[in-house]
Amino acid sequence: MAQRSSTQRTDWMEVAAAYSQLVGQHTAAVIGIVHGAKPSVGQNQTIVDVGLRREFGSSWLVSAGVGAGIGQQSPAFCPLLVLQKSFRVF
C-alpha cells in the first residue's frame, strides 16, 4: 500500500448540484456543478459539466459529457463517460 504524503488530505468533502430535462423518450440532458477538495491540502476545484444520459432496455444507462473547471486550481477540461447497470438485490 502506498504511503500518503504529508501534503495529502486524510479526508475531503464535495458538494454537487444537477438538473436534468427529458429531451426524448429515453434520453435526458444533464447539467451539473461539483465543488470540492483536491487530494492536496489547501486546494479546491469547481467543475461545471453538461451531457446526455440515455437508457437502453430496462437496466442499462450510458452517460457522456464534458466538464470545464472554474478557477486556477480546477482542471481546464474533463471528459465524462459512464456505463451503468441496474440490478435487483432482493
N, C-alpha and C. Protein backbone atom coordinates (compact mmCIF):
# COMPACT_ATOMS: atom_id res chain seq x y z
N MET A 1 0.83 -1.17 0.00
CA MET A 1 0.00 0.00 0.00
C MET A 1 0.88 1.24 0.00
N ALA A 2 0.53 2.21 -0.81
CA ALA A 2 1.33 3.43 -0.92
C ALA A 2 1.15 4.30 0.32
N GLN A 3 2.20 4.95 0.70
CA GLN A 3 2.16 5.86 1.84
C GLN A 3 1.63 7.22 1.40
N ARG A 4 0.77 7.81 2.20
CA ARG A 4 0.24 9.14 1.94
C ARG A 4 1.32 10.16 2.29
N SER A 5 1.49 11.15 1.42
CA SER A 5 2.48 12.19 1.70
C SER A 5 1.93 13.16 2.73
N SER A 6 2.80 13.98 3.29
CA SER A 6 2.38 14.92 4.33
C SER A 6 1.51 16.04 3.78
N THR A 7 1.47 16.21 2.44
CA THR A 7 0.64 17.27 1.84
C THR A 7 -0.71 16.76 1.36
N GLN A 8 -0.98 15.46 1.52
CA GLN A 8 -2.26 14.90 1.09
C GLN A 8 -3.27 14.94 2.22
N ARG A 9 -4.53 15.15 1.85
CA ARG A 9 -5.63 15.15 2.83
C ARG A 9 -5.90 13.73 3.31
N THR A 10 -6.41 13.62 4.52
CA THR A 10 -6.84 12.32 5.02
C THR A 10 -8.31 12.08 4.66
N ASP A 11 -9.06 13.16 4.49
CA ASP A 11 -10.45 13.06 4.06
C ASP A 11 -10.84 14.37 3.39
N TRP A 12 -11.91 14.35 2.60
CA TRP A 12 -12.37 15.58 1.97
C TRP A 12 -13.84 15.48 1.65
N MET A 13 -14.45 16.65 1.38
CA MET A 13 -15.88 16.73 1.12
C MET A 13 -16.11 17.37 -0.25
N GLU A 14 -17.18 16.95 -0.92
CA GLU A 14 -17.59 17.56 -2.18
C GLU A 14 -19.08 17.87 -2.11
N VAL A 15 -19.49 18.93 -2.79
CA VAL A 15 -20.88 19.32 -2.88
C VAL A 15 -21.24 19.37 -4.35
N ALA A 16 -22.40 18.81 -4.71
CA ALA A 16 -22.80 18.76 -6.11
C ALA A 16 -24.27 19.15 -6.24
N ALA A 17 -24.60 19.74 -7.39
CA ALA A 17 -25.99 20.04 -7.74
C ALA A 17 -26.14 19.76 -9.23
N ALA A 18 -27.31 19.28 -9.62
CA ALA A 18 -27.53 18.94 -11.02
C ALA A 18 -29.00 19.16 -11.39
N TYR A 19 -29.20 19.34 -12.68
CA TYR A 19 -30.55 19.47 -13.23
C TYR A 19 -30.61 18.62 -14.50
N SER A 20 -31.71 17.89 -14.68
CA SER A 20 -31.88 17.09 -15.90
C SER A 20 -33.25 17.38 -16.50
N GLN A 21 -33.31 17.26 -17.82
CA GLN A 21 -34.54 17.52 -18.57
C GLN A 21 -34.67 16.46 -19.65
N LEU A 22 -35.82 15.80 -19.73
CA LEU A 22 -36.04 14.82 -20.79
C LEU A 22 -36.03 15.53 -22.14
N VAL A 23 -35.29 14.98 -23.09
CA VAL A 23 -35.26 15.51 -24.46
C VAL A 23 -35.75 14.46 -25.46
N GLY A 24 -36.09 13.31 -24.96
CA GLY A 24 -36.63 12.21 -25.76
C GLY A 24 -37.22 11.18 -24.81
N GLN A 25 -37.79 10.13 -25.36
CA GLN A 25 -38.43 9.12 -24.52
C GLN A 25 -37.43 8.43 -23.59
N HIS A 26 -36.20 8.23 -24.05
CA HIS A 26 -35.19 7.52 -23.25
C HIS A 26 -33.92 8.34 -23.06
N THR A 27 -33.97 9.64 -23.33
CA THR A 27 -32.77 10.48 -23.28
C THR A 27 -33.03 11.73 -22.44
N ALA A 28 -32.04 12.10 -21.63
CA ALA A 28 -32.13 13.32 -20.82
C ALA A 28 -30.86 14.13 -21.00
N ALA A 29 -31.02 15.45 -21.02
CA ALA A 29 -29.89 16.37 -20.99
C ALA A 29 -29.63 16.69 -19.51
N VAL A 30 -28.35 16.77 -19.14
CA VAL A 30 -27.98 16.98 -17.75
C VAL A 30 -26.95 18.10 -17.67
N ILE A 31 -27.10 18.98 -16.67
CA ILE A 31 -26.09 19.99 -16.37
C ILE A 31 -25.82 19.91 -14.87
N GLY A 32 -24.57 20.02 -14.50
CA GLY A 32 -24.24 19.89 -13.08
C GLY A 32 -23.04 20.72 -12.70
N ILE A 33 -22.87 20.90 -11.41
CA ILE A 33 -21.71 21.59 -10.88
C ILE A 33 -21.25 20.84 -9.64
N VAL A 34 -19.93 20.69 -9.51
CA VAL A 34 -19.34 19.99 -8.37
C VAL A 34 -18.24 20.89 -7.81
N HIS A 35 -18.28 21.10 -6.50
CA HIS A 35 -17.22 21.86 -5.82
C HIS A 35 -16.69 20.97 -4.70
N GLY A 36 -15.38 20.85 -4.65
CA GLY A 36 -14.83 20.00 -3.60
C GLY A 36 -13.33 20.13 -3.49
N ALA A 37 -12.80 19.36 -2.57
CA ALA A 37 -11.39 19.39 -2.27
C ALA A 37 -10.61 18.51 -3.25
N LYS A 38 -9.40 18.95 -3.56
CA LYS A 38 -8.46 18.11 -4.30
C LYS A 38 -7.66 17.31 -3.29
N PRO A 39 -6.93 16.28 -3.72
CA PRO A 39 -6.19 15.47 -2.75
C PRO A 39 -5.14 16.24 -1.94
N SER A 40 -4.60 17.33 -2.49
CA SER A 40 -3.59 18.11 -1.76
C SER A 40 -4.26 19.07 -0.78
N VAL A 41 -3.67 19.22 0.39
CA VAL A 41 -4.21 20.11 1.42
C VAL A 41 -4.22 21.54 0.90
N GLY A 42 -5.33 22.25 1.14
CA GLY A 42 -5.43 23.66 0.78
C GLY A 42 -5.85 23.91 -0.66
N GLN A 43 -6.19 22.88 -1.42
CA GLN A 43 -6.59 23.07 -2.81
C GLN A 43 -8.02 22.57 -3.02
N ASN A 44 -8.81 23.35 -3.77
CA ASN A 44 -10.19 23.03 -4.10
C ASN A 44 -10.38 23.12 -5.60
N GLN A 45 -11.46 22.53 -6.08
CA GLN A 45 -11.78 22.61 -7.50
C GLN A 45 -13.28 22.74 -7.70
N THR A 46 -13.67 23.40 -8.77
CA THR A 46 -15.07 23.53 -9.15
C THR A 46 -15.18 23.16 -10.63
N ILE A 47 -16.09 22.26 -10.95
CA ILE A 47 -16.25 21.78 -12.32
C ILE A 47 -17.73 21.89 -12.71
N VAL A 48 -17.99 22.50 -13.86
CA VAL A 48 -19.33 22.56 -14.44
C VAL A 48 -19.35 21.59 -15.61
N ASP A 49 -20.35 20.70 -15.66
CA ASP A 49 -20.40 19.75 -16.76
C ASP A 49 -21.78 19.67 -17.38
N VAL A 50 -21.80 19.31 -18.66
CA VAL A 50 -23.04 19.11 -19.42
C VAL A 50 -22.92 17.79 -20.16
N GLY A 51 -24.06 17.14 -20.37
CA GLY A 51 -24.01 15.87 -21.07
C GLY A 51 -25.38 15.31 -21.35
N LEU A 52 -25.38 14.10 -21.91
CA LEU A 52 -26.61 13.37 -22.22
C LEU A 52 -26.59 12.04 -21.49
N ARG A 53 -27.77 11.59 -21.11
CA ARG A 53 -27.95 10.30 -20.43
C ARG A 53 -28.99 9.52 -21.21
N ARG A 54 -28.66 8.31 -21.62
CA ARG A 54 -29.54 7.51 -22.48
C ARG A 54 -29.79 6.16 -21.84
N GLU A 55 -31.06 5.76 -21.80
CA GLU A 55 -31.46 4.47 -21.25
C GLU A 55 -31.58 3.44 -22.38
N PHE A 56 -30.99 2.26 -22.16
CA PHE A 56 -31.08 1.15 -23.11
C PHE A 56 -31.72 -0.03 -22.40
N GLY A 57 -32.91 -0.43 -22.85
CA GLY A 57 -33.60 -1.52 -22.18
C GLY A 57 -34.07 -1.07 -20.81
N SER A 58 -34.23 -2.03 -19.91
CA SER A 58 -34.74 -1.68 -18.58
C SER A 58 -33.65 -1.55 -17.53
N SER A 59 -32.39 -1.88 -17.88
CA SER A 59 -31.38 -1.87 -16.83
C SER A 59 -30.04 -1.23 -17.21
N TRP A 60 -29.87 -0.76 -18.43
CA TRP A 60 -28.60 -0.16 -18.84
C TRP A 60 -28.75 1.33 -19.11
N LEU A 61 -27.78 2.11 -18.64
CA LEU A 61 -27.73 3.55 -18.89
C LEU A 61 -26.33 3.91 -19.37
N VAL A 62 -26.25 4.82 -20.33
CA VAL A 62 -24.97 5.36 -20.79
C VAL A 62 -25.05 6.87 -20.68
N SER A 63 -24.05 7.47 -20.08
CA SER A 63 -23.96 8.92 -19.95
C SER A 63 -22.64 9.38 -20.54
N ALA A 64 -22.67 10.52 -21.24
CA ALA A 64 -21.45 11.10 -21.80
C ALA A 64 -21.56 12.61 -21.70
N GLY A 65 -20.44 13.25 -21.44
CA GLY A 65 -20.47 14.71 -21.34
C GLY A 65 -19.07 15.27 -21.25
N VAL A 66 -19.02 16.58 -21.07
CA VAL A 66 -17.75 17.29 -20.90
C VAL A 66 -17.89 18.25 -19.73
N GLY A 67 -16.79 18.49 -19.06
CA GLY A 67 -16.77 19.42 -17.94
C GLY A 67 -15.66 20.43 -18.14
N ALA A 68 -15.85 21.60 -17.56
CA ALA A 68 -14.85 22.66 -17.60
C ALA A 68 -14.67 23.18 -16.18
N GLY A 69 -13.43 23.40 -15.81
CA GLY A 69 -13.12 23.90 -14.48
C GLY A 69 -13.27 25.40 -14.38
N ILE A 70 -13.64 25.86 -13.20
CA ILE A 70 -13.73 27.28 -12.90
C ILE A 70 -12.67 27.58 -11.84
N GLY A 71 -11.76 28.47 -12.12
CA GLY A 71 -10.71 28.81 -11.17
C GLY A 71 -9.39 28.18 -11.53
N GLN A 72 -8.32 28.69 -10.93
CA GLN A 72 -6.97 28.25 -11.28
C GLN A 72 -6.65 26.84 -10.80
N GLN A 73 -7.25 26.39 -9.72
CA GLN A 73 -6.95 25.06 -9.20
C GLN A 73 -7.79 23.96 -9.84
N SER A 74 -8.75 24.34 -10.68
CA SER A 74 -9.64 23.38 -11.33
C SER A 74 -9.07 22.92 -12.66
N PRO A 75 -9.41 21.70 -13.09
CA PRO A 75 -8.93 21.23 -14.40
C PRO A 75 -9.57 22.05 -15.52
N ALA A 76 -8.84 22.25 -16.61
CA ALA A 76 -9.36 23.03 -17.74
C ALA A 76 -10.47 22.27 -18.47
N PHE A 77 -10.32 20.95 -18.59
CA PHE A 77 -11.24 20.13 -19.38
C PHE A 77 -11.35 18.76 -18.75
N CYS A 78 -12.55 18.19 -18.75
CA CYS A 78 -12.77 16.89 -18.13
C CYS A 78 -13.80 16.10 -18.93
N PRO A 79 -13.40 15.08 -19.70
CA PRO A 79 -14.38 14.26 -20.41
C PRO A 79 -15.02 13.25 -19.45
N LEU A 80 -16.29 12.93 -19.68
CA LEU A 80 -17.01 12.00 -18.81
C LEU A 80 -17.69 10.92 -19.66
N LEU A 81 -17.56 9.68 -19.25
CA LEU A 81 -18.25 8.56 -19.89
C LEU A 81 -18.61 7.56 -18.80
N VAL A 82 -19.90 7.26 -18.69
CA VAL A 82 -20.37 6.38 -17.62
C VAL A 82 -21.25 5.29 -18.23
N LEU A 83 -21.02 4.07 -17.80
CA LEU A 83 -21.85 2.93 -18.16
C LEU A 83 -22.43 2.40 -16.85
N GLN A 84 -23.76 2.32 -16.76
CA GLN A 84 -24.42 1.93 -15.52
C GLN A 84 -25.35 0.75 -15.78
N LYS A 85 -25.30 -0.25 -14.91
CA LYS A 85 -26.15 -1.42 -14.96
C LYS A 85 -26.94 -1.51 -13.67
N SER A 86 -28.25 -1.54 -13.75
CA SER A 86 -29.10 -1.69 -12.58
C SER A 86 -29.46 -3.16 -12.39
N PHE A 87 -29.56 -3.58 -11.13
CA PHE A 87 -29.96 -4.94 -10.86
C PHE A 87 -30.66 -5.00 -9.50
N ARG A 88 -31.49 -6.01 -9.33
CA ARG A 88 -32.23 -6.19 -8.08
C ARG A 88 -31.40 -7.00 -7.11
N VAL A 89 -31.39 -6.57 -5.86
CA VAL A 89 -30.67 -7.30 -4.82
C VAL A 89 -31.62 -8.27 -4.13
N PHE A 90 -32.83 -7.83 -3.86
CA PHE A 90 -33.82 -8.68 -3.16
C PHE A 90 -35.06 -8.80 -3.99
